[in-house]
N, C-alpha and C. Protein backbone atom coordinates (compact mmCIF):
# COMPACT_ATOMS: atom_id res chain seq x y z
N MET A 1 6.27 -124.60 153.25
CA MET A 1 6.70 -124.02 154.42
C MET A 1 8.01 -122.99 154.25
N ALA A 2 7.98 -121.94 154.69
CA ALA A 2 9.17 -121.13 154.59
C ALA A 2 10.32 -121.67 155.33
N LEU A 3 11.56 -121.42 154.85
CA LEU A 3 12.87 -121.74 155.60
C LEU A 3 12.99 -120.67 156.80
N LEU A 4 12.57 -119.31 156.27
CA LEU A 4 12.73 -118.38 157.18
C LEU A 4 11.21 -118.18 157.93
N PRO A 5 11.12 -117.86 158.87
CA PRO A 5 9.76 -117.49 159.53
C PRO A 5 9.15 -116.12 159.05
N TYR A 6 7.88 -116.22 158.93
CA TYR A 6 7.23 -114.94 158.43
C TYR A 6 7.38 -113.92 159.61
N ILE A 7 7.46 -112.64 159.36
CA ILE A 7 7.72 -111.63 160.42
C ILE A 7 5.90 -111.45 160.46
N THR A 8 5.66 -111.33 161.61
CA THR A 8 4.21 -111.18 162.06
C THR A 8 4.06 -109.69 162.10
N ASP A 9 2.73 -109.01 162.14
CA ASP A 9 2.53 -107.57 162.33
C ASP A 9 2.98 -107.18 163.62
N GLU A 10 2.98 -108.20 164.50
CA GLU A 10 3.19 -107.72 165.99
C GLU A 10 4.73 -107.63 166.03
N GLU A 11 5.48 -108.28 165.16
CA GLU A 11 6.92 -108.30 165.02
C GLU A 11 7.45 -107.19 164.46
N ALA A 12 6.70 -106.50 163.48
CA ALA A 12 7.29 -105.41 162.67
C ALA A 12 7.26 -104.13 163.26
N THR A 13 8.59 -103.70 163.16
CA THR A 13 8.88 -102.24 163.68
C THR A 13 9.43 -101.37 162.67
N GLY A 14 9.51 -100.10 163.03
CA GLY A 14 10.29 -99.40 162.15
C GLY A 14 9.85 -99.21 160.67
N HIS A 15 10.83 -99.56 159.94
CA HIS A 15 10.72 -99.41 158.58
C HIS A 15 9.84 -100.60 158.13
N VAL A 16 10.12 -101.61 158.62
CA VAL A 16 9.21 -102.96 158.09
C VAL A 16 7.55 -102.83 158.63
N ALA A 17 7.48 -102.06 159.71
CA ALA A 17 5.99 -101.77 159.99
C ALA A 17 5.42 -100.50 158.91
N THR A 18 6.15 -99.80 158.34
CA THR A 18 5.72 -98.99 157.47
C THR A 18 5.49 -99.57 156.13
N LEU A 19 6.35 -100.53 155.88
CA LEU A 19 6.17 -101.29 154.61
C LEU A 19 4.99 -102.25 154.53
N PHE A 20 4.74 -102.77 155.65
CA PHE A 20 3.72 -103.47 155.84
C PHE A 20 2.37 -102.56 155.72
N LYS A 21 2.50 -101.59 156.46
CA LYS A 21 1.15 -100.67 156.22
C LYS A 21 0.97 -100.22 154.71
N HIS A 22 1.90 -100.04 153.94
CA HIS A 22 1.73 -99.48 152.54
C HIS A 22 1.29 -100.75 151.73
N ASN A 23 1.89 -101.91 152.24
CA ASN A 23 1.54 -103.11 151.46
C ASN A 23 -0.01 -103.24 151.83
N ARG A 24 -0.56 -103.35 152.83
CA ARG A 24 -2.00 -103.39 153.28
C ARG A 24 -2.67 -102.34 152.61
N LYS A 25 -2.55 -101.21 152.42
CA LYS A 25 -3.15 -100.22 151.87
C LYS A 25 -3.26 -100.47 150.39
N LEU A 26 -2.21 -100.72 149.57
CA LEU A 26 -2.36 -101.01 148.18
C LEU A 26 -2.93 -102.62 148.01
N TYR A 27 -2.64 -103.47 148.59
CA TYR A 27 -3.05 -104.75 148.07
C TYR A 27 -4.03 -105.52 149.19
N GLY A 28 -4.37 -104.72 150.34
CA GLY A 28 -5.36 -105.29 151.09
C GLY A 28 -4.77 -106.34 152.42
N ARG A 29 -3.45 -106.56 151.98
CA ARG A 29 -2.66 -107.65 152.92
C ARG A 29 -1.27 -107.60 152.58
N VAL A 30 -0.68 -108.20 153.57
CA VAL A 30 0.89 -108.33 153.30
C VAL A 30 1.32 -109.59 152.72
N ALA A 31 1.67 -109.77 151.63
CA ALA A 31 2.08 -111.23 151.00
C ALA A 31 3.19 -111.49 151.82
N ASN A 32 3.22 -113.00 151.82
CA ASN A 32 4.23 -113.83 152.73
C ASN A 32 5.66 -113.54 152.05
N ALA A 33 5.69 -113.33 150.65
CA ALA A 33 7.14 -112.95 150.31
C ALA A 33 7.66 -111.77 150.77
N ILE A 34 6.74 -110.69 151.06
CA ILE A 34 7.33 -109.50 151.89
C ILE A 34 7.71 -109.76 153.29
N ARG A 35 6.63 -110.67 154.06
CA ARG A 35 6.84 -110.94 155.13
C ARG A 35 8.37 -111.80 155.46
N VAL A 36 8.76 -112.60 154.62
CA VAL A 36 9.94 -113.28 154.69
C VAL A 36 10.93 -112.22 154.29
N ALA A 37 10.85 -111.62 153.32
CA ALA A 37 12.00 -110.68 152.81
C ALA A 37 12.18 -109.67 153.93
N ALA A 38 11.16 -109.14 154.90
CA ALA A 38 11.33 -108.23 155.88
C ALA A 38 12.44 -108.67 156.94
N HIS A 39 12.91 -109.76 156.82
CA HIS A 39 14.01 -109.92 157.53
C HIS A 39 15.25 -108.99 157.22
N SER A 40 15.43 -108.65 155.98
CA SER A 40 16.31 -107.78 155.36
C SER A 40 15.43 -106.57 154.68
N PRO A 41 15.11 -105.53 155.51
CA PRO A 41 13.95 -104.67 155.17
C PRO A 41 14.64 -103.78 153.95
N LYS A 42 15.87 -103.78 153.22
CA LYS A 42 16.14 -103.27 152.10
C LYS A 42 15.60 -104.15 151.18
N LEU A 43 15.94 -105.46 151.20
CA LEU A 43 15.37 -106.34 150.17
C LEU A 43 13.91 -106.25 150.05
N ALA A 44 13.16 -106.28 150.91
CA ALA A 44 11.73 -106.16 151.35
C ALA A 44 11.19 -104.96 150.41
N GLN A 45 11.91 -103.62 150.64
CA GLN A 45 11.47 -102.34 150.05
C GLN A 45 11.89 -102.38 148.41
N THR A 46 12.92 -103.36 148.03
CA THR A 46 13.13 -103.63 146.78
C THR A 46 12.06 -104.21 145.99
N ILE A 47 11.78 -105.50 146.56
CA ILE A 47 10.60 -106.16 146.26
C ILE A 47 9.25 -105.42 146.15
N PHE A 48 9.04 -104.74 147.12
CA PHE A 48 7.73 -103.86 146.90
C PHE A 48 7.81 -102.69 146.16
N GLY A 49 9.02 -102.03 145.56
CA GLY A 49 9.29 -101.13 144.80
C GLY A 49 9.20 -101.79 143.28
N PHE A 50 9.51 -102.97 143.11
CA PHE A 50 9.16 -103.68 141.96
C PHE A 50 7.74 -104.03 141.68
N ASN A 51 7.07 -104.50 142.66
CA ASN A 51 5.72 -104.97 142.48
C ASN A 51 4.86 -103.78 141.99
N VAL A 52 4.99 -102.67 142.60
CA VAL A 52 4.08 -101.56 142.62
C VAL A 52 3.91 -101.10 141.04
N PRO A 53 4.96 -100.59 140.36
CA PRO A 53 4.86 -100.36 139.20
C PRO A 53 4.58 -101.80 138.19
N ALA A 54 4.84 -102.76 138.49
CA ALA A 54 4.64 -103.76 137.60
C ALA A 54 3.10 -104.37 137.55
N LEU A 55 2.25 -103.90 138.85
CA LEU A 55 0.97 -104.15 138.80
C LEU A 55 0.10 -102.77 138.29
N ARG A 56 0.79 -101.95 138.14
CA ARG A 56 -0.15 -100.50 137.89
C ARG A 56 -0.36 -100.51 136.37
N GLU A 57 -1.45 -100.51 135.73
CA GLU A 57 -1.91 -100.46 134.49
C GLU A 57 -1.43 -99.14 133.83
N GLU A 58 -1.60 -97.91 134.42
CA GLU A 58 -1.08 -96.86 133.77
C GLU A 58 0.34 -96.86 133.63
N ILE A 59 1.08 -97.53 134.29
CA ILE A 59 2.44 -97.55 134.11
C ILE A 59 2.87 -98.57 132.92
N THR A 60 2.60 -99.87 132.94
CA THR A 60 2.79 -100.76 131.95
C THR A 60 2.18 -100.69 130.91
N GLY A 61 0.98 -100.34 130.84
CA GLY A 61 0.05 -100.22 129.73
C GLY A 61 -0.17 -101.42 128.96
N ASN A 62 0.25 -102.70 129.45
CA ASN A 62 0.01 -103.89 128.65
C ASN A 62 -1.35 -104.72 128.93
N LEU A 63 -1.38 -105.01 130.27
CA LEU A 63 -2.36 -105.79 130.76
C LEU A 63 -3.29 -104.83 131.67
N PRO A 64 -4.48 -105.16 131.76
CA PRO A 64 -5.42 -104.66 132.88
C PRO A 64 -4.73 -105.13 134.24
N VAL A 65 -4.90 -104.61 135.36
CA VAL A 65 -4.72 -104.84 136.72
C VAL A 65 -5.01 -106.27 137.13
N ARG A 66 -6.61 -106.18 136.99
CA ARG A 66 -7.40 -107.36 137.20
C ARG A 66 -6.89 -108.59 136.71
N LEU A 67 -6.58 -108.72 135.21
CA LEU A 67 -5.84 -109.76 134.58
C LEU A 67 -4.69 -110.05 135.21
N LYS A 68 -3.88 -109.15 135.68
CA LYS A 68 -2.49 -109.64 136.24
C LYS A 68 -2.62 -110.03 137.52
N ALA A 69 -3.65 -109.60 138.29
CA ALA A 69 -3.87 -110.32 139.55
C ALA A 69 -4.32 -111.99 139.33
N MET A 70 -5.12 -111.95 138.28
CA MET A 70 -5.66 -113.28 138.03
C MET A 70 -4.55 -114.19 137.83
N VAL A 71 -3.54 -113.63 137.09
CA VAL A 71 -2.43 -114.48 136.54
C VAL A 71 -1.70 -114.87 137.87
N ILE A 72 -1.26 -113.83 138.65
CA ILE A 72 -0.62 -114.10 139.91
C ILE A 72 -1.30 -115.16 140.83
N LEU A 73 -2.66 -115.12 140.88
CA LEU A 73 -3.66 -116.07 141.81
C LEU A 73 -3.54 -117.66 141.16
N LYS A 74 -3.46 -117.63 139.68
CA LYS A 74 -3.46 -118.80 139.23
C LYS A 74 -2.08 -119.63 139.31
N THR A 75 -1.06 -118.84 139.04
CA THR A 75 0.41 -119.21 139.39
C THR A 75 0.73 -119.58 140.64
N SER A 76 0.22 -118.96 141.50
CA SER A 76 0.00 -119.42 143.15
C SER A 76 -0.47 -120.58 143.45
N MET A 77 -1.76 -120.90 142.80
CA MET A 77 -2.43 -122.03 142.99
C MET A 77 -1.56 -123.33 142.38
N LEU A 78 -1.15 -122.80 141.25
CA LEU A 78 -0.47 -124.14 140.55
C LEU A 78 0.75 -124.33 141.22
N ASN A 79 1.39 -123.59 141.90
CA ASN A 79 2.38 -123.79 142.72
C ASN A 79 2.43 -124.22 144.21
N GLY A 80 1.15 -124.58 144.73
CA GLY A 80 0.66 -124.95 145.68
C GLY A 80 0.85 -123.82 146.90
N CYS A 81 0.76 -122.62 146.60
CA CYS A 81 0.83 -121.70 147.63
C CYS A 81 -0.60 -121.67 148.49
N ALA A 82 -0.17 -121.74 149.74
CA ALA A 82 -1.46 -121.92 150.60
C ALA A 82 -2.23 -120.65 150.77
N HIS A 83 -1.35 -119.44 150.87
CA HIS A 83 -1.87 -117.93 151.16
C HIS A 83 -1.61 -117.22 149.92
């Protein structure tokens, strides 16, 4: 359980709503890390700004996006993340 509550879609306004919209467009959902970081929109934008190039294969050129996503999923499962 997070020490800070997640920002819900209904609570998101302004920059946070825009950030959530772009997260949903790129990843199909808004990650809980972004929902918690949204308490400080500049922090959430920084995290999102790091994740986008880190996951794009044409930028990093190291690993396919599918493999990166599987590594993220496996790490989350090993750490007991529910979502």
